[in-house]
């Protein structure tokens, strides 16, 4: 009798596992503009070797995303202290097609590379494609500084692949067959005993 109870529990656990609709699980991933940090000189005048504008491209793969919980964009900058000792200001001029996305100018006041801005980037991301790019235009508003990298942290829900129908039916048939055979075995034992 105890074995019959165990077999019923196993049977219902199998049913419960395979007939629950696909559940999503939360995951987090980080994408960067560069694999390793660089030091790109930027200046408000764009003179000589320094750029006034820098296009930043972050490639990301969202093929397995069902939805996005949060997405944060940050940019790593440092003050080079070369020409002007202070008053270095950076601005994000554009994100995707959104010109002047309402971001404030940030003062680059750290000699060591530091992350600036924590921009909510959910509205700029696409779901369901393996070849996406997030484009950002960084401007040297005043003074000169170094651009090192950009980071996009995405917290998303990933859908589990549904179990293929033939495999589910096959498992159900095997489980039912096993349960019937097991039950017949116990009936024979009860009759004989």
N, C-alpha and C. Protein backbone atom coordinates (compact mmCIF):
# COMPACT_ATOMS: atom_id res chain seq x y z
N UNK A 1 0.82 -1.19 0.00
CA UNK A 1 0.00 0.00 0.00
C UNK A 1 0.87 1.26 0.00
N UNK A 2 1.97 1.19 0.75
CA UNK A 2 2.87 2.33 0.83
C UNK A 2 3.49 2.63 -0.54
N UNK A 3 3.85 1.55 -1.29
CA UNK A 3 4.43 1.73 -2.63
C UNK A 3 3.43 2.35 -3.60
N UNK A 4 2.16 2.01 -3.44
CA UNK A 4 1.14 2.58 -4.30
C UNK A 4 1.02 4.08 -4.05
N UNK A 5 1.08 4.47 -2.80
CA UNK A 5 1.02 5.89 -2.46
C UNK A 5 2.22 6.63 -3.05
N UNK A 6 3.40 6.05 -2.94
CA UNK A 6 4.61 6.66 -3.51
C UNK A 6 4.48 6.80 -5.01
N UNK A 7 3.95 5.77 -5.68
CA UNK A 7 3.81 5.84 -7.13
C UNK A 7 2.81 6.91 -7.55
N UNK A 8 1.73 7.07 -6.78
CA UNK A 8 0.76 8.13 -7.10
C UNK A 8 1.38 9.51 -6.93
N UNK A 9 2.15 9.69 -5.88
CA UNK A 9 2.81 10.98 -5.66
C UNK A 9 3.77 11.29 -6.80
N UNK A 10 4.55 10.31 -7.22
CA UNK A 10 5.49 10.51 -8.33
C UNK A 10 4.73 10.84 -9.60
N UNK A 11 3.63 10.14 -9.84
CA UNK A 11 2.83 10.38 -11.03
C UNK A 11 2.31 11.83 -11.06
N UNK A 12 1.75 12.28 -9.94
CA UNK A 12 1.21 13.64 -9.91
C UNK A 12 2.32 14.70 -9.97
N UNK A 13 3.48 14.40 -9.44
CA UNK A 13 4.61 15.33 -9.59
C UNK A 13 5.01 15.46 -11.05
N UNK A 14 5.01 14.32 -11.77
CA UNK A 14 5.33 14.37 -13.21
C UNK A 14 4.29 15.19 -13.95
N UNK A 15 3.02 14.98 -13.66
CA UNK A 15 1.96 15.76 -14.30
C UNK A 15 2.11 17.25 -13.99
N UNK A 16 2.36 17.55 -12.72
CA UNK A 16 2.49 18.94 -12.30
C UNK A 16 3.66 19.61 -13.03
N UNK A 17 4.78 18.92 -13.16
CA UNK A 17 5.97 19.50 -13.78
C UNK A 17 5.77 19.77 -15.27
N UNK A 18 5.14 18.85 -15.98
CA UNK A 18 5.06 18.97 -17.43
C UNK A 18 3.85 19.73 -17.94
N UNK A 19 2.86 19.94 -17.11
CA UNK A 19 1.67 20.62 -17.60
C UNK A 19 1.48 22.01 -17.02
N UNK A 20 2.45 22.50 -16.31
CA UNK A 20 2.45 23.89 -15.88
C UNK A 20 2.89 24.73 -17.07
N UNK A 21 2.20 25.84 -17.40
CA UNK A 21 2.65 26.66 -18.52
C UNK A 21 4.04 27.23 -18.26
N UNK A 22 4.75 27.57 -19.34
CA UNK A 22 6.12 28.08 -19.24
C UNK A 22 6.23 29.24 -18.28
N UNK A 23 7.05 29.10 -17.28
CA UNK A 23 7.27 30.16 -16.30
C UNK A 23 8.51 30.94 -16.69
N UNK A 24 8.55 32.19 -16.32
CA UNK A 24 9.73 32.99 -16.63
C UNK A 24 10.63 33.07 -15.40
N UNK A 25 11.91 33.19 -15.66
CA UNK A 25 12.87 33.33 -14.57
C UNK A 25 13.66 34.61 -14.79
N UNK A 26 13.97 35.29 -13.69
CA UNK A 26 14.69 36.56 -13.78
C UNK A 26 16.18 36.31 -13.92
N UNK A 27 16.81 37.07 -14.78
CA UNK A 27 18.25 36.98 -15.00
C UNK A 27 18.81 38.39 -15.14
N UNK A 28 20.12 38.51 -14.96
CA UNK A 28 20.78 39.80 -15.14
C UNK A 28 22.02 39.60 -16.00
N UNK A 29 22.25 40.54 -16.90
CA UNK A 29 23.40 40.46 -17.79
C UNK A 29 23.96 41.87 -17.97
N UNK A 30 25.27 41.94 -18.20
CA UNK A 30 25.94 43.23 -18.40
C UNK A 30 26.63 43.23 -19.76
N UNK A 31 26.42 44.32 -20.49
CA UNK A 31 27.06 44.51 -21.79
C UNK A 31 27.96 45.74 -21.70
N UNK A 32 29.08 45.72 -22.47
CA UNK A 32 30.02 46.83 -22.47
C UNK A 32 30.25 47.32 -23.90
N UNK A 33 30.69 48.57 -24.02
CA UNK A 33 31.08 49.13 -25.32
C UNK A 33 32.37 48.44 -25.77
N UNK A 34 33.33 48.34 -24.88
CA UNK A 34 34.61 47.68 -25.15
C UNK A 34 34.79 46.53 -24.17
N UNK A 35 35.51 45.51 -24.61
CA UNK A 35 35.79 44.39 -23.71
C UNK A 35 36.68 44.86 -22.54
N UNK A 36 37.65 45.70 -22.87
CA UNK A 36 38.54 46.28 -21.85
C UNK A 36 38.45 47.80 -21.96
N UNK A 37 38.73 48.48 -20.84
CA UNK A 37 38.67 49.94 -20.85
C UNK A 37 39.70 50.54 -21.80
N UNK A 38 39.31 51.61 -22.47
CA UNK A 38 40.20 52.42 -23.31
C UNK A 38 40.35 53.79 -22.69
N UNK A 39 41.19 54.61 -23.28
CA UNK A 39 41.33 56.00 -22.84
C UNK A 39 41.25 56.87 -24.09
N UNK A 40 40.06 57.36 -24.39
CA UNK A 40 39.85 58.22 -25.56
C UNK A 40 39.77 59.65 -25.06
N UNK A 41 40.71 60.49 -25.52
CA UNK A 41 40.75 61.89 -25.10
C UNK A 41 39.61 62.66 -25.76
N UNK A 42 38.92 63.45 -24.95
CA UNK A 42 37.84 64.29 -25.45
C UNK A 42 38.04 65.71 -24.95
N UNK A 43 37.66 66.68 -25.80
CA UNK A 43 37.81 68.09 -25.45
C UNK A 43 36.64 68.88 -26.04
N UNK A 44 36.27 69.96 -25.36
CA UNK A 44 35.15 70.78 -25.85
C UNK A 44 35.44 71.40 -27.21
N UNK A 45 36.70 71.63 -27.53
CA UNK A 45 37.03 72.26 -28.81
C UNK A 45 37.28 71.23 -29.91
N UNK A 46 37.51 69.99 -29.51
CA UNK A 46 37.80 68.96 -30.50
C UNK A 46 39.11 69.20 -31.22
N UNK A 47 40.04 69.87 -30.56
CA UNK A 47 41.29 70.24 -31.23
C UNK A 47 42.29 69.08 -31.25
N UNK A 48 43.14 69.12 -32.25
CA UNK A 48 44.22 68.16 -32.44
C UNK A 48 43.73 66.72 -32.34
N UNK A 49 44.20 65.98 -31.36
CA UNK A 49 43.89 64.56 -31.26
C UNK A 49 42.66 64.29 -30.39
N UNK A 50 42.03 65.31 -29.86
CA UNK A 50 40.91 65.12 -28.95
C UNK A 50 39.59 65.32 -29.70
N UNK A 51 38.65 64.45 -29.41
CA UNK A 51 37.33 64.51 -30.03
C UNK A 51 36.36 65.30 -29.16
N UNK A 52 35.48 66.04 -29.83
CA UNK A 52 34.43 66.73 -29.09
C UNK A 52 33.24 65.79 -28.87
N UNK A 53 33.01 64.91 -29.83
CA UNK A 53 31.91 63.95 -29.75
C UNK A 53 32.45 62.53 -29.89
N UNK A 54 31.80 61.60 -29.22
CA UNK A 54 32.18 60.19 -29.33
C UNK A 54 30.90 59.35 -29.40
N UNK A 55 30.78 58.60 -30.50
CA UNK A 55 29.65 57.67 -30.62
C UNK A 55 29.99 56.40 -29.85
N UNK A 56 29.09 56.01 -28.98
CA UNK A 56 29.26 54.81 -28.17
C UNK A 56 28.24 53.79 -28.68
N UNK A 57 28.72 52.57 -28.92
CA UNK A 57 27.83 51.50 -29.41
C UNK A 57 27.94 50.30 -28.48
N UNK A 58 26.82 49.93 -27.91
CA UNK A 58 26.77 48.74 -27.06
C UNK A 58 25.91 47.71 -27.77
N UNK A 59 26.53 46.60 -28.16
CA UNK A 59 25.80 45.51 -28.80
C UNK A 59 25.22 44.60 -27.72
N UNK A 60 23.98 44.19 -27.92
CA UNK A 60 23.35 43.28 -26.95
C UNK A 60 22.44 42.29 -27.67
N UNK A 61 22.27 41.12 -27.04
CA UNK A 61 21.45 40.04 -27.57
C UNK A 61 20.24 39.87 -26.67
N UNK A 62 19.04 40.07 -27.21
CA UNK A 62 17.82 39.97 -26.40
C UNK A 62 16.87 38.88 -26.92
N UNK A 63 17.41 37.91 -27.60
CA UNK A 63 16.58 36.88 -28.23
C UNK A 63 15.79 36.06 -27.21
N UNK A 64 16.34 35.87 -25.99
CA UNK A 64 15.68 35.05 -24.97
C UNK A 64 14.91 35.87 -23.95
N UNK A 65 14.76 37.16 -24.17
CA UNK A 65 14.08 38.01 -23.18
C UNK A 65 12.58 38.00 -23.43
N UNK A 66 11.83 37.79 -22.35
CA UNK A 66 10.37 37.92 -22.43
C UNK A 66 9.97 39.36 -22.11
N UNK A 67 10.60 39.92 -21.07
CA UNK A 67 10.33 41.30 -20.67
C UNK A 67 11.55 41.84 -19.95
N UNK A 68 11.60 43.17 -19.80
CA UNK A 68 12.73 43.82 -19.13
C UNK A 68 12.22 44.42 -17.82
N UNK A 69 12.85 44.04 -16.72
CA UNK A 69 12.51 44.60 -15.41
C UNK A 69 13.18 45.95 -15.20
N UNK A 70 14.47 46.02 -15.56
CA UNK A 70 15.21 47.27 -15.45
C UNK A 70 16.42 47.22 -16.37
N UNK A 71 16.87 48.39 -16.78
CA UNK A 71 18.07 48.51 -17.60
C UNK A 71 18.75 49.82 -17.22
N UNK A 72 20.03 49.73 -16.86
CA UNK A 72 20.76 50.91 -16.41
C UNK A 72 21.99 51.12 -17.29
N UNK A 73 22.10 52.33 -17.82
CA UNK A 73 23.23 52.71 -18.67
C UNK A 73 24.14 53.64 -17.88
N UNK A 74 25.45 53.33 -17.87
CA UNK A 74 26.44 54.17 -17.20
C UNK A 74 27.64 54.34 -18.12
N UNK A 75 28.35 55.45 -17.95
CA UNK A 75 29.52 55.74 -18.78
C UNK A 75 30.71 56.02 -17.87
N UNK A 76 31.85 55.40 -18.19
CA UNK A 76 33.05 55.54 -17.36
C UNK A 76 33.94 56.64 -17.95
N UNK A 77 34.20 57.65 -17.13
CA UNK A 77 35.02 58.80 -17.53
C UNK A 77 36.05 59.09 -16.45
N UNK A 78 37.09 59.85 -16.84
CA UNK A 78 38.04 60.34 -15.85
C UNK A 78 38.58 61.69 -16.29
N UNK A 79 38.95 62.49 -15.31
CA UNK A 79 39.55 63.80 -15.57
C UNK A 79 41.04 63.58 -15.85
N UNK A 80 41.53 64.10 -16.96
CA UNK A 80 42.94 63.86 -17.30
C UNK A 80 43.88 64.88 -16.65
N UNK A 81 43.36 65.98 -16.14
CA UNK A 81 44.15 67.01 -15.46
C UNK A 81 45.30 67.55 -16.32
N UNK A 82 45.15 67.49 -17.65
CA UNK A 82 46.23 67.96 -18.52
C UNK A 82 46.16 69.47 -18.74
N UNK A 83 45.22 69.89 -19.53
CA UNK A 83 45.16 71.31 -19.91
C UNK A 83 44.51 72.17 -18.83
N UNK A 84 43.38 71.69 -18.34
CA UNK A 84 42.65 72.46 -17.33
C UNK A 84 42.50 71.58 -16.10
N UNK A 85 42.83 72.07 -14.91
CA UNK A 85 42.82 71.23 -13.72
C UNK A 85 41.43 70.82 -13.24
N UNK A 86 40.41 71.52 -13.66
CA UNK A 86 39.07 71.19 -13.19
C UNK A 86 38.05 71.68 -14.21
N UNK A 87 36.83 71.66 -13.85
CA UNK A 87 35.74 72.16 -14.69
C UNK A 87 35.61 71.39 -16.00
N UNK A 88 35.71 70.06 -15.91
CA UNK A 88 35.45 69.20 -17.07
C UNK A 88 34.01 68.72 -16.98
N UNK A 89 33.26 68.94 -18.04
CA UNK A 89 31.85 68.56 -18.04
C UNK A 89 31.52 67.73 -19.27
N UNK A 90 30.77 66.66 -19.05
CA UNK A 90 30.34 65.77 -20.14
C UNK A 90 28.82 65.78 -20.21
N UNK A 91 28.32 65.54 -21.40
CA UNK A 91 26.87 65.49 -21.60
C UNK A 91 26.54 64.39 -22.59
N UNK A 92 25.46 63.70 -22.34
CA UNK A 92 24.96 62.74 -23.32
C UNK A 92 24.04 63.52 -24.25
N UNK A 93 24.49 63.65 -25.48
CA UNK A 93 23.80 64.45 -26.48
C UNK A 93 22.62 63.69 -27.10
N UNK A 94 22.76 62.36 -27.21
CA UNK A 94 21.73 61.60 -27.90
C UNK A 94 21.79 60.14 -27.46
N UNK A 95 20.61 59.52 -27.31
CA UNK A 95 20.50 58.08 -27.10
C UNK A 95 19.55 57.57 -28.17
N UNK A 96 20.05 56.66 -28.99
CA UNK A 96 19.29 56.18 -30.15
C UNK A 96 18.85 57.40 -30.97
N UNK A 97 17.57 57.57 -31.22
CA UNK A 97 17.11 58.72 -32.01
C UNK A 97 16.62 59.85 -31.12
N UNK A 98 16.73 59.69 -29.81
CA UNK A 98 16.27 60.69 -28.86
C UNK A 98 17.37 61.75 -28.66
N UNK A 99 17.22 62.88 -29.35
CA UNK A 99 18.20 63.97 -29.23
C UNK A 99 17.88 64.77 -27.96
N UNK A 100 18.91 65.12 -27.22
CA UNK A 100 18.78 65.80 -25.93
C UNK A 100 17.80 65.05 -25.03
N UNK A 101 18.18 63.87 -24.56
CA UNK A 101 17.25 63.04 -23.78
C UNK A 101 16.95 63.54 -22.38
N UNK A 102 17.22 64.82 -22.11
CA UNK A 102 16.88 65.39 -20.82
C UNK A 102 17.85 65.05 -19.72
N UNK A 103 19.08 64.70 -20.07
CA UNK A 103 20.07 64.36 -19.06
C UNK A 103 20.90 65.58 -18.71
N UNK A 104 21.23 65.71 -17.47
CA UNK A 104 22.01 66.84 -17.02
C UNK A 104 23.48 66.64 -17.35
N UNK A 105 24.16 67.73 -17.44
CA UNK A 105 25.61 67.71 -17.65
C UNK A 105 26.26 67.21 -16.37
N UNK A 106 27.23 66.32 -16.50
CA UNK A 106 27.95 65.77 -15.34
C UNK A 106 29.36 66.33 -15.30
N UNK A 107 29.81 66.73 -14.11
CA UNK A 107 31.19 67.17 -13.96
C UNK A 107 32.09 65.96 -13.77
N UNK A 108 33.11 65.88 -14.61
CA UNK A 108 34.07 64.79 -14.52
C UNK A 108 35.16 65.24 -13.57
N UNK A 109 35.07 64.79 -12.32
CA UNK A 109 35.97 65.32 -11.29
C UNK A 109 36.85 64.25 -10.66
N UNK A 110 36.92 63.08 -11.26
CA UNK A 110 37.71 62.01 -10.68
C UNK A 110 38.90 61.68 -11.56
N UNK A 111 40.08 61.64 -10.96
CA UNK A 111 41.29 61.28 -11.71
C UNK A 111 41.25 59.81 -12.11
N UNK A 112 40.75 58.97 -11.23
CA UNK A 112 40.62 57.55 -11.57
C UNK A 112 39.29 57.35 -12.30
N UNK A 113 39.24 56.42 -13.24
CA UNK A 113 38.00 56.21 -14.00
C UNK A 113 36.82 55.86 -13.08
N UNK A 114 35.72 56.57 -13.26
CA UNK A 114 34.52 56.37 -12.44
C UNK A 114 33.30 56.32 -13.35
N UNK A 115 32.26 55.64 -12.86
CA UNK A 115 31.02 55.54 -13.62
C UNK A 115 30.15 56.76 -13.36
N UNK A 116 29.65 57.34 -14.43
CA UNK A 116 28.76 58.50 -14.36
C UNK A 116 27.42 58.14 -14.98
N UNK A 117 26.40 58.78 -14.49
CA UNK A 117 25.01 58.55 -14.91
C UNK A 117 24.57 57.13 -14.56
N UNK A 118 23.34 57.02 -14.18
CA UNK A 118 22.63 55.74 -14.06
C UNK A 118 21.30 55.96 -14.77
N UNK A 119 21.34 55.82 -16.06
CA UNK A 119 20.20 56.17 -16.91
C UNK A 119 19.28 54.97 -17.05
N UNK A 120 17.99 55.20 -16.86
CA UNK A 120 17.01 54.16 -17.10
C UNK A 120 16.88 53.98 -18.62
N UNK A 121 17.36 52.85 -19.13
CA UNK A 121 17.44 52.64 -20.57
C UNK A 121 16.40 51.65 -21.10
N UNK A 122 15.41 51.31 -20.30
CA UNK A 122 14.41 50.32 -20.72
C UNK A 122 13.73 50.73 -22.02
N UNK A 123 13.34 51.98 -22.14
CA UNK A 123 12.60 52.42 -23.32
C UNK A 123 13.45 52.44 -24.59
N UNK A 124 14.76 52.32 -24.47
CA UNK A 124 15.64 52.34 -25.64
C UNK A 124 15.99 50.94 -26.15
N UNK A 125 15.57 49.89 -25.43
CA UNK A 125 15.98 48.53 -25.78
C UNK A 125 14.89 47.80 -26.56
N UNK A 126 15.33 46.87 -27.41
CA UNK A 126 14.43 46.03 -28.20
C UNK A 126 14.49 44.60 -27.67
N UNK A 127 13.37 43.91 -27.73
CA UNK A 127 13.28 42.54 -27.24
C UNK A 127 13.12 41.59 -28.43
N UNK A 128 13.79 40.44 -28.35
CA UNK A 128 13.57 39.37 -29.30
C UNK A 128 14.48 39.35 -30.51
N UNK A 129 15.63 40.00 -30.44
CA UNK A 129 16.56 40.02 -31.58
C UNK A 129 17.97 39.75 -31.07
N UNK A 130 18.74 39.05 -31.85
CA UNK A 130 20.10 38.71 -31.41
C UNK A 130 21.13 39.75 -31.83
N UNK A 131 20.76 40.70 -32.65
CA UNK A 131 21.73 41.71 -33.13
C UNK A 131 21.20 43.12 -32.88
N UNK A 132 21.16 43.51 -31.63
CA UNK A 132 20.72 44.85 -31.26
C UNK A 132 21.91 45.73 -30.93
N UNK A 133 21.74 47.03 -31.12
CA UNK A 133 22.77 48.00 -30.78
C UNK A 133 22.13 49.19 -30.09
N UNK A 134 22.71 49.61 -28.99
CA UNK A 134 22.30 50.83 -28.30
C UNK A 134 23.34 51.89 -28.63
N UNK A 135 22.92 52.97 -29.30
CA UNK A 135 23.83 54.04 -29.72
C UNK A 135 23.68 55.25 -28.81
N UNK A 136 24.80 55.77 -28.33
CA UNK A 136 24.83 56.93 -27.44
C UNK A 136 25.85 57.91 -27.99
N UNK A 137 25.50 59.18 -28.01
CA UNK A 137 26.42 60.23 -28.44
C UNK A 137 26.86 61.01 -27.21
N UNK A 138 28.16 60.92 -26.90
CA UNK A 138 28.75 61.61 -25.74
C UNK A 138 29.43 62.87 -26.24
N UNK A 139 29.23 63.98 -25.52
CA UNK A 139 29.83 65.26 -25.91
C UNK A 139 30.68 65.81 -24.77
N UNK A 140 31.84 66.37 -25.15
CA UNK A 140 32.66 67.12 -24.20
C UNK A 140 32.07 68.53 -24.15
N UNK A 141 31.34 68.82 -23.09
CA UNK A 141 30.64 70.10 -22.96
C UNK A 141 31.61 71.22 -22.60
N UNK A 142 32.54 70.91 -21.71
CA UNK A 142 33.52 71.91 -21.28
C UNK A 142 34.77 71.19 -20.79
N UNK A 143 35.93 71.76 -21.09
CA UNK A 143 37.19 71.18 -20.64
C UNK A 143 37.56 69.94 -21.42
N UNK A 144 38.41 69.12 -20.83
CA UNK A 144 38.84 67.89 -21.49
C UNK A 144 38.88 66.76 -20.47
N UNK A 145 38.59 65.56 -20.93
CA UNK A 145 38.55 64.38 -20.07
C UNK A 145 38.76 63.15 -20.94
N UNK A 146 38.76 61.98 -20.31
CA UNK A 146 38.94 60.73 -21.05
C UNK A 146 37.69 59.86 -20.92
N UNK A 147 37.28 59.30 -22.05
CA UNK A 147 36.19 58.33 -22.08
C UNK A 147 36.82 56.93 -22.04
N UNK A 148 36.32 56.07 -21.15
CA UNK A 148 36.91 54.74 -20.99
C UNK A 148 35.99 53.61 -21.48
N UNK A 149 34.73 53.65 -21.09
CA UNK A 149 33.85 52.55 -21.46
C UNK A 149 32.41 52.94 -21.15
N UNK A 150 31.49 52.12 -21.63
CA UNK A 150 30.07 52.28 -21.32
C UNK A 150 29.54 50.92 -20.89
N UNK A 151 28.56 50.94 -19.99
CA UNK A 151 28.05 49.70 -19.42
C UNK A 151 26.52 49.73 -19.44
N UNK A 152 25.93 48.62 -19.84
CA UNK A 152 24.48 48.46 -19.84
C UNK A 152 24.16 47.22 -19.01
N UNK A 153 23.48 47.42 -17.88
CA UNK A 153 23.09 46.32 -17.01
C UNK A 153 21.60 46.09 -17.18
N UNK A 154 21.22 44.88 -17.60
CA UNK A 154 19.82 44.58 -17.88
C UNK A 154 19.35 43.45 -16.97
N UNK A 155 18.24 43.71 -16.29
CA UNK A 155 17.56 42.69 -15.48
C UNK A 155 16.30 42.32 -16.26
N UNK A 156 16.22 41.07 -16.71
CA UNK A 156 15.14 40.68 -17.61
C UNK A 156 14.52 39.35 -17.19
N UNK A 157 13.35 39.06 -17.72
CA UNK A 157 12.69 37.78 -17.52
C UNK A 157 12.91 36.93 -18.76
N UNK A 158 13.35 35.72 -18.52
CA UNK A 158 13.62 34.79 -19.61
C UNK A 158 12.55 33.71 -19.58
N UNK A 159 11.92 33.44 -20.71
CA UNK A 159 10.90 32.41 -20.75
C UNK A 159 11.55 31.06 -20.92
N UNK A 160 11.01 30.09 -20.21
CA UNK A 160 11.45 28.71 -20.40
C UNK A 160 10.81 28.18 -21.67
N UNK A 161 11.57 27.40 -22.36
CA UNK A 161 11.02 26.79 -23.57
C UNK A 161 9.94 25.79 -23.17
N UNK A 162 8.78 25.83 -23.83
CA UNK A 162 7.75 24.85 -23.50
C UNK A 162 8.19 23.44 -23.92
N UNK A 163 7.73 22.45 -23.17
CA UNK A 163 8.06 21.07 -23.50
C UNK A 163 7.33 20.70 -24.79
N UNK A 164 8.02 20.10 -25.74
CA UNK A 164 7.35 19.73 -26.99
C UNK A 164 6.18 18.78 -26.73
N UNK A 165 5.10 18.96 -27.43
CA UNK A 165 3.88 18.19 -27.22
C UNK A 165 4.07 16.67 -27.32
N UNK A 166 4.74 16.14 -28.35
CA UNK A 166 4.90 14.68 -28.41
C UNK A 166 5.64 14.10 -27.20
N UNK A 167 6.63 14.80 -26.71
CA UNK A 167 7.37 14.30 -25.55
C UNK A 167 6.49 14.31 -24.30
N UNK A 168 5.65 15.31 -24.16
CA UNK A 168 4.75 15.40 -23.00
C UNK A 168 3.75 14.25 -23.02
N UNK A 169 3.16 14.01 -24.18
CA UNK A 169 2.19 12.92 -24.31
C UNK A 169 2.87 11.58 -24.05
N UNK A 170 4.06 11.38 -24.57
CA UNK A 170 4.79 10.14 -24.36
C UNK A 170 5.06 9.91 -22.87
N UNK A 171 5.48 10.95 -22.17
CA UNK A 171 5.73 10.82 -20.73
C UNK A 171 4.45 10.51 -19.97
N UNK A 172 3.36 11.12 -20.37
CA UNK A 172 2.08 10.85 -19.73
C UNK A 172 1.66 9.40 -19.94
N UNK A 173 1.79 8.90 -21.16
CA UNK A 173 1.43 7.51 -21.46
C UNK A 173 2.31 6.54 -20.68
N UNK A 174 3.60 6.80 -20.62
CA UNK A 174 4.51 5.93 -19.86
C UNK A 174 4.13 5.93 -18.38
N UNK A 175 3.85 7.10 -17.84
CA UNK A 175 3.47 7.19 -16.43
C UNK A 175 2.17 6.47 -16.14
N UNK A 176 1.17 6.64 -16.99
CA UNK A 176 -0.11 5.95 -16.79
C UNK A 176 0.04 4.44 -16.92
N UNK A 177 0.81 4.00 -17.92
CA UNK A 177 1.05 2.57 -18.11
C UNK A 177 1.74 1.97 -16.89
N UNK A 178 2.73 2.65 -16.39
CA UNK A 178 3.45 2.18 -15.21
C UNK A 178 2.52 2.10 -14.00
N UNK A 179 1.68 3.11 -13.84
CA UNK A 179 0.75 3.14 -12.71
C UNK A 179 -0.26 2.00 -12.81
N UNK A 180 -0.80 1.73 -13.99
CA UNK A 180 -1.77 0.64 -14.18
C UNK A 180 -1.11 -0.70 -13.91
N UNK A 181 0.08 -0.91 -14.44
CA UNK A 181 0.78 -2.18 -14.24
C UNK A 181 1.12 -2.37 -12.75
N UNK A 182 1.51 -1.33 -12.09
CA UNK A 182 1.85 -1.40 -10.68
C UNK A 182 0.62 -1.74 -9.85
N UNK A 183 -0.50 -1.15 -10.22
CA UNK A 183 -1.74 -1.37 -9.50
C UNK A 183 -2.23 -2.82 -9.69
N UNK A 184 -2.12 -3.33 -10.92
CA UNK A 184 -2.52 -4.72 -11.19
C UNK A 184 -1.65 -5.68 -10.37
N UNK A 185 -0.39 -5.36 -10.22
CA UNK A 185 0.51 -6.21 -9.45
C UNK A 185 0.05 -6.28 -8.00
N UNK A 186 -0.35 -5.16 -7.44
CA UNK A 186 -0.81 -5.14 -6.06
C UNK A 186 -2.15 -5.85 -5.90
N UNK A 187 -3.01 -5.77 -6.90
CA UNK A 187 -4.29 -6.48 -6.83
C UNK A 187 -4.05 -7.99 -6.81
N UNK A 188 -3.08 -8.47 -7.62
CA UNK A 188 -2.77 -9.90 -7.64
C UNK A 188 -2.22 -10.35 -6.28
N UNK A 189 -1.41 -9.51 -5.67
CA UNK A 189 -0.83 -9.85 -4.36
C UNK A 189 -1.92 -9.89 -3.31
N UNK A 190 -2.88 -8.93 -3.35
CA UNK A 190 -3.97 -8.89 -2.37
C UNK A 190 -4.87 -10.09 -2.53
N UNK A 191 -5.14 -10.52 -3.77
CA UNK A 191 -6.01 -11.66 -4.02
C UNK A 191 -5.32 -12.93 -3.54
N UNK A 192 -4.04 -13.05 -3.84
CA UNK A 192 -3.30 -14.27 -3.45
C UNK A 192 -3.11 -14.34 -1.94
N UNK A 193 -2.98 -13.20 -1.30
CA UNK A 193 -2.65 -13.16 0.13
C UNK A 193 -3.86 -13.20 0.94
